[in-house]
Amino acid sequence: MAEKDSKTKNFVLRLDAETMAALEKWADDEFRSVNGQIAYVIDQALKKNGRLPKNKH
């Protein structure tokens, strides 16, 4: 993943237990934390859909 920006923002995310369990397993399978997995998935979706600024790619 790209170099971390020092201007990260925190927010609360509510997930149902089944979704959280699936996310925890997925993160574990890829040797990431749940937070890291969520950040990775969001980053990939933004890239795929051309939603990131040009210098972020």
PDB file of N, CA and C in Angstrom:
ATOM      1  N   MET A   1       0.839  -1.165   0.000  1.00  0.00           N
ATOM      2  CA  MET A   1       0.000   0.000   0.000  1.00  0.00           C
ATOM      3  C   MET A   1       0.890   1.237   0.000  1.00  0.00           C
ATOM      4  N   ALA A   2       0.351   2.355  -0.381  1.00  0.00           N
ATOM      5  CA  ALA A   2       1.110   3.600  -0.470  1.00  0.00           C
ATOM      6  C   ALA A   2       1.577   4.050   0.913  1.00  0.00           C
ATOM      7  N   GLU A   3       2.552   4.941   0.923  1.00  0.00           N
ATOM      8  CA  GLU A   3       3.067   5.490   2.174  1.00  0.00           C
ATOM      9  C   GLU A   3       1.931   6.115   2.968  1.00  0.00           C
ATOM     10  N   LYS A   4       1.912   5.876   4.260  1.00  0.00           N
ATOM     11  CA  LYS A   4       0.833   6.383   5.102  1.00  0.00           C
ATOM     12  C   LYS A   4       0.895   7.891   5.235  1.00  0.00           C
ATOM     13  N   ASP A   5      -0.261   8.502   5.135  1.00  0.00           N
ATOM     14  CA  ASP A   5      -0.391   9.942   5.293  1.00  0.00           C
ATOM     15  C   ASP A   5      -0.479  10.257   6.782  1.00  0.00           C
ATOM     16  N   SER A   6       0.220  11.286   7.224  1.00  0.00           N
ATOM     17  CA  SER A   6       0.192  11.639   8.643  1.00  0.00           C
ATOM     18  C   SER A   6      -1.124  12.300   9.032  1.00  0.00           C
ATOM     19  N   LYS A   7      -1.993  12.537   8.088  1.00  0.00           N
ATOM     20  CA  LYS A   7      -3.268  13.184   8.365  1.00  0.00           C
ATOM     21  C   LYS A   7      -4.412  12.181   8.311  1.00  0.00           C
ATOM     22  N   THR A   8      -4.261  11.053   8.997  1.00  0.00           N
ATOM     23  CA  THR A   8      -5.328  10.059   9.010  1.00  0.00           C
ATOM     24  C   THR A   8      -6.470  10.552   9.881  1.00  0.00           C
ATOM     25  N   LYS A   9      -7.662  10.042   9.587  1.00  0.00           N
ATOM     26  CA  LYS A   9      -8.856  10.414  10.349  1.00  0.00           C
ATOM     27  C   LYS A   9      -9.465   9.153  10.939  1.00  0.00           C
ATOM     28  N   ASN A  10      -9.987   9.279  12.116  1.00  0.00           N
ATOM     29  CA  ASN A  10     -10.644   8.171  12.799  1.00  0.00           C
ATOM     30  C   ASN A  10     -12.155   8.296  12.659  1.00  0.00           C
ATOM     31  N   PHE A  11     -12.837   7.149  12.608  1.00  0.00           N
ATOM     32  CA  PHE A  11     -14.290   7.148  12.597  1.00  0.00           C
ATOM     33  C   PHE A  11     -14.793   5.818  13.145  1.00  0.00           C
ATOM     34  N   VAL A  12     -16.035   5.796  13.551  1.00  0.00           N
ATOM     35  CA  VAL A  12     -16.643   4.593  14.102  1.00  0.00           C
ATOM     36  C   VAL A  12     -17.337   3.853  12.967  1.00  0.00           C
ATOM     37  N   LEU A  13     -17.174   2.542  12.940  1.00  0.00           N
ATOM     38  CA  LEU A  13     -17.823   1.700  11.942  1.00  0.00           C
ATOM     39  C   LEU A  13     -18.556   0.594  12.668  1.00  0.00           C
ATOM     40  N   ARG A  14     -19.836   0.477  12.426  1.00  0.00           N
ATOM     41  CA  ARG A  14     -20.624  -0.580  13.054  1.00  0.00           C
ATOM     42  C   ARG A  14     -20.876  -1.680  12.028  1.00  0.00           C
ATOM     43  N   LEU A  15     -20.545  -2.911  12.398  1.00  0.00           N
ATOM     44  CA  LEU A  15     -20.762  -4.070  11.543  1.00  0.00           C
ATOM     45  C   LEU A  15     -21.510  -5.137  12.322  1.00  0.00           C
ATOM     46  N   ASP A  16     -22.330  -5.901  11.622  1.00  0.00           N
ATOM     47  CA  ASP A  16     -22.994  -7.009  12.301  1.00  0.00           C
ATOM     48  C   ASP A  16     -21.948  -8.096  12.584  1.00  0.00           C
ATOM     49  N   ALA A  17     -22.257  -8.987  13.502  1.00  0.00           N
ATOM     50  CA  ALA A  17     -21.294  -9.992  13.968  1.00  0.00           C
ATOM     51  C   ALA A  17     -20.817 -10.905  12.850  1.00  0.00           C
ATOM     52  N   GLU A  18     -21.702 -11.279  11.946  1.00  0.00           N
ATOM     53  CA  GLU A  18     -21.330 -12.179  10.850  1.00  0.00           C
ATOM     54  C   GLU A  18     -20.346 -11.504   9.890  1.00  0.00           C
ATOM     55  N   THR A  19     -20.591 -10.248   9.570  1.00  0.00           N
ATOM     56  CA  THR A  19     -19.689  -9.500   8.690  1.00  0.00           C
ATOM     57  C   THR A  19     -18.335  -9.311   9.366  1.00  0.00           C
ATOM     58  N   MET A  20     -18.347  -8.985  10.651  1.00  0.00           N
ATOM     59  CA  MET A  20     -17.098  -8.787  11.383  1.00  0.00           C
ATOM     60  C   MET A  20     -16.285 -10.071  11.427  1.00  0.00           C
ATOM     61  N   ALA A  21     -16.937 -11.195  11.654  1.00  0.00           N
ATOM     62  CA  ALA A  21     -16.229 -12.477  11.699  1.00  0.00           C
ATOM     63  C   ALA A  21     -15.584 -12.780  10.344  1.00  0.00           C
ATOM     64  N   ALA A  22     -16.311 -12.534   9.261  1.00  0.00           N
ATOM     65  CA  ALA A  22     -15.767 -12.764   7.920  1.00  0.00           C
ATOM     66  C   ALA A  22     -14.597 -11.842   7.646  1.00  0.00           C
ATOM     67  N   LEU A  23     -14.703 -10.602   8.071  1.00  0.00           N
ATOM     68  CA  LEU A  23     -13.626  -9.628   7.884  1.00  0.00           C
ATOM     69  C   LEU A  23     -12.394 -10.003   8.695  1.00  0.00           C
ATOM     70  N   GLU A  24     -12.596 -10.456   9.921  1.00  0.00           N
ATOM     71  CA  GLU A  24     -11.474 -10.892  10.760  1.00  0.00           C
ATOM     72  C   GLU A  24     -10.743 -12.079  10.125  1.00  0.00           C
ATOM     73  N   LYS A  25     -11.499 -13.033   9.588  1.00  0.00           N
ATOM     74  CA  LYS A  25     -10.877 -14.193   8.937  1.00  0.00           C
ATOM     75  C   LYS A  25     -10.108 -13.763   7.703  1.00  0.00           C
ATOM     76  N   TRP A  26     -10.701 -12.908   6.885  1.00  0.00           N
ATOM     77  CA  TRP A  26     -10.051 -12.420   5.675  1.00  0.00           C
ATOM     78  C   TRP A  26      -8.751 -11.697   6.024  1.00  0.00           C
ATOM     79  N   ALA A  27      -8.807 -10.817   7.009  1.00  0.00           N
ATOM     80  CA  ALA A  27      -7.612 -10.087   7.439  1.00  0.00           C
ATOM     81  C   ALA A  27      -6.541 -11.057   7.924  1.00  0.00           C
ATOM     82  N   ASP A  28      -6.938 -12.029   8.718  1.00  0.00           N
ATOM     83  CA  ASP A  28      -5.995 -13.024   9.236  1.00  0.00           C
ATOM     84  C   ASP A  28      -5.361 -13.820   8.094  1.00  0.00           C
ATOM     85  N   ASP A  29      -6.157 -14.192   7.110  1.00  0.00           N
ATOM     86  CA  ASP A  29      -5.648 -14.942   5.957  1.00  0.00           C
ATOM     87  C   ASP A  29      -4.594 -14.159   5.181  1.00  0.00           C
ATOM     88  N   GLU A  30      -4.697 -12.835   5.193  1.00  0.00           N
ATOM     89  CA  GLU A  30      -3.763 -11.986   4.447  1.00  0.00           C
ATOM     90  C   GLU A  30      -2.735 -11.304   5.359  1.00  0.00           C
ATOM     91  N   PHE A  31      -2.652 -11.777   6.611  1.00  0.00           N
ATOM     92  CA  PHE A  31      -1.671 -11.271   7.591  1.00  0.00           C
ATOM     93  C   PHE A  31      -1.786  -9.757   7.797  1.00  0.00           C
ATOM     94  N   ARG A  32      -3.020  -9.284   7.891  1.00  0.00           N
ATOM     95  CA  ARG A  32      -3.288  -7.873   8.175  1.00  0.00           C
ATOM     96  C   ARG A  32      -4.149  -7.775   9.422  1.00  0.00           C
ATOM     97  N   SER A  33      -4.147  -6.588  10.025  1.00  0.00           N
ATOM     98  CA  SER A  33      -5.115  -6.306  11.078  1.00  0.00           C
ATOM     99  C   SER A  33      -6.462  -6.047  10.402  1.00  0.00           C
ATOM    100  N   VAL A  34      -7.527  -6.075  11.172  1.00  0.00           N
ATOM    101  CA  VAL A  34      -8.840  -5.762  10.607  1.00  0.00           C
ATOM    102  C   VAL A  34      -8.831  -4.335  10.071  1.00  0.00           C
ATOM    103  N   ASN A  35      -8.254  -3.415  10.813  1.00  0.00           N
ATOM    104  CA  ASN A  35      -8.171  -2.034  10.359  1.00  0.00           C
ATOM    105  C   ASN A  35      -7.383  -1.945   9.046  1.00  0.00           C
ATOM    106  N   GLY A  36      -6.266  -2.643   8.984  1.00  0.00           N
ATOM    107  CA  GLY A  36      -5.460  -2.651   7.770  1.00  0.00           C
ATOM    108  C   GLY A  36      -6.207  -3.249   6.587  1.00  0.00           C
ATOM    109  N   GLN A  37      -6.994  -4.300   6.857  1.00  0.00           N
ATOM    110  CA  GLN A  37      -7.778  -4.936   5.787  1.00  0.00           C
ATOM    111  C   GLN A  37      -8.846  -3.995   5.260  1.00  0.00           C
ATOM    112  N   ILE A  38      -9.533  -3.303   6.157  1.00  0.00           N
ATOM    113  CA  ILE A  38     -10.555  -2.343   5.735  1.00  0.00           C
ATOM    114  C   ILE A  38      -9.909  -1.241   4.897  1.00  0.00           C
ATOM    115  N   ALA A  39      -8.772  -0.716   5.349  1.00  0.00           N
ATOM    116  CA  ALA A  39      -8.077   0.337   4.605  1.00  0.00           C
ATOM    117  C   ALA A  39      -7.647  -0.164   3.227  1.00  0.00           C
ATOM    118  N   TYR A  40      -7.150  -1.399   3.154  1.00  0.00           N
ATOM    119  CA  TYR A  40      -6.721  -1.987   1.885  1.00  0.00           C
ATOM    120  C   TYR A  40      -7.898  -2.136   0.920  1.00  0.00           C
ATOM    121  N   VAL A  41      -9.008  -2.679   1.406  1.00  0.00           N
ATOM    122  CA  VAL A  41     -10.186  -2.887   0.558  1.00  0.00           C
ATOM    123  C   VAL A  41     -10.718  -1.556   0.037  1.00  0.00           C
ATOM    124  N   ILE A  42     -10.791  -0.559   0.904  1.00  0.00           N
ATOM    125  CA  ILE A  42     -11.265   0.758   0.474  1.00  0.00           C
ATOM    126  C   ILE A  42     -10.315   1.359  -0.549  1.00  0.00           C
ATOM    127  N   ASP A  43      -9.005   1.268  -0.302  1.00  0.00           N
ATOM    128  CA  ASP A  43      -8.005   1.803  -1.222  1.00  0.00           C
ATOM    129  C   ASP A  43      -8.120   1.149  -2.601  1.00  0.00           C
ATOM    130  N   GLN A  44      -8.269  -0.181  -2.625  1.00  0.00           N
ATOM    131  CA  GLN A  44      -8.387  -0.894  -3.900  1.00  0.00           C
ATOM    132  C   GLN A  44      -9.662  -0.496  -4.643  1.00  0.00           C
ATOM    133  N   ALA A  45     -10.763  -0.353  -3.927  1.00  0.00           N
ATOM    134  CA  ALA A  45     -12.028   0.046  -4.552  1.00  0.00           C
ATOM    135  C   ALA A  45     -11.929   1.462  -5.126  1.00  0.00           C
ATOM    136  N   LEU A  46     -11.291   2.362  -4.393  1.00  0.00           N
ATOM    137  CA  LEU A  46     -11.121   3.732  -4.880  1.00  0.00           C
ATOM    138  C   LEU A  46     -10.250   3.774  -6.135  1.00  0.00           C
ATOM    139  N   LYS A  47      -9.170   2.999  -6.138  1.00  0.00           N
ATOM    140  CA  LYS A  47      -8.293   2.932  -7.311  1.00  0.00           C
ATOM    141  C   LYS A  47      -9.042   2.363  -8.510  1.00  0.00           C
ATOM    142  N   LYS A  48      -9.746   1.262  -8.302  1.00  0.00           N
ATOM    143  CA  LYS A  48     -10.472   0.583  -9.378  1.00  0.00           C
ATOM    144  C   LYS A  48     -11.500   1.506 -10.034  1.00  0.00           C
ATOM    145  N   ASN A  49     -12.099   2.372  -9.244  1.00  0.00           N
ATOM    146  CA  ASN A  49     -13.153   3.237  -9.740  1.00  0.00           C
ATOM    147  C   ASN A  49     -12.697   4.648 -10.068  1.00  0.00           C
ATOM    148  N   GLY A  50     -11.369   4.854 -10.070  1.00  0.00           N
ATOM    149  CA  GLY A  50     -10.818   6.156 -10.437  1.00  0.00           C
ATOM    150  C   GLY A  50     -11.209   7.278  -9.496  1.00  0.00           C
ATOM    151  N   ARG A  51     -11.334   6.968  -8.233  1.00  0.00           N
ATOM    152  CA  ARG A  51     -11.791   7.951  -7.235  1.00  0.00           C
ATOM    153  C   ARG A  51     -10.664   8.603  -6.441  1.00  0.00           C
ATOM    154  N   LEU A  52      -9.421   8.199  -6.686  1.00  0.00           N
ATOM    155  CA  LEU A  52      -8.298   8.790  -5.961  1.00  0.00           C
ATOM    156  C   LEU A  52      -7.681   9.910  -6.800  1.00  0.00           C
ATOM    157  N   PRO A  53      -7.112  10.917  -6.148  1.00  0.00           N
ATOM    158  CA  PRO A  53      -6.380  11.944  -6.907  1.00  0.00           C
ATOM    159  C   PRO A  53      -5.230  11.300  -7.661  1.00  0.00           C
ATOM    160  N   LYS A  54      -4.830  11.874  -8.763  1.00  0.00           N
ATOM    161  CA  LYS A  54      -3.779  11.321  -9.617  1.00  0.00           C
ATOM    162  C   LYS A  54      -2.492  11.029  -8.848  1.00  0.00           C
ATOM    163  N   ASN A  55      -2.089  11.907  -7.923  1.00  0.00           N
ATOM    164  CA  ASN A  55      -0.824  11.704  -7.194  1.00  0.00           C
ATOM    165  C   ASN A  55      -0.918  10.613  -6.139  1.00  0.00           C
ATOM    166  N   LYS A  56      -2.100  10.089  -5.843  1.00  0.00           N
ATOM    167  CA  LYS A  56      -2.278   9.028  -4.845  1.00  0.00           C
ATOM    168  C   LYS A  56      -2.001   7.657  -5.442  1.00  0.00           C
ATOM    169  N   HIS A  57      -2.127   7.487  -6.746  1.00  0.00           N
ATOM    170  CA  HIS A  57      -1.915   6.183  -7.392  1.00  0.00           C
ATOM    171  C   HIS A  57      -0.528   5.768  -7.186  1.00  0.00           C
TER     172      HIS A  57
END
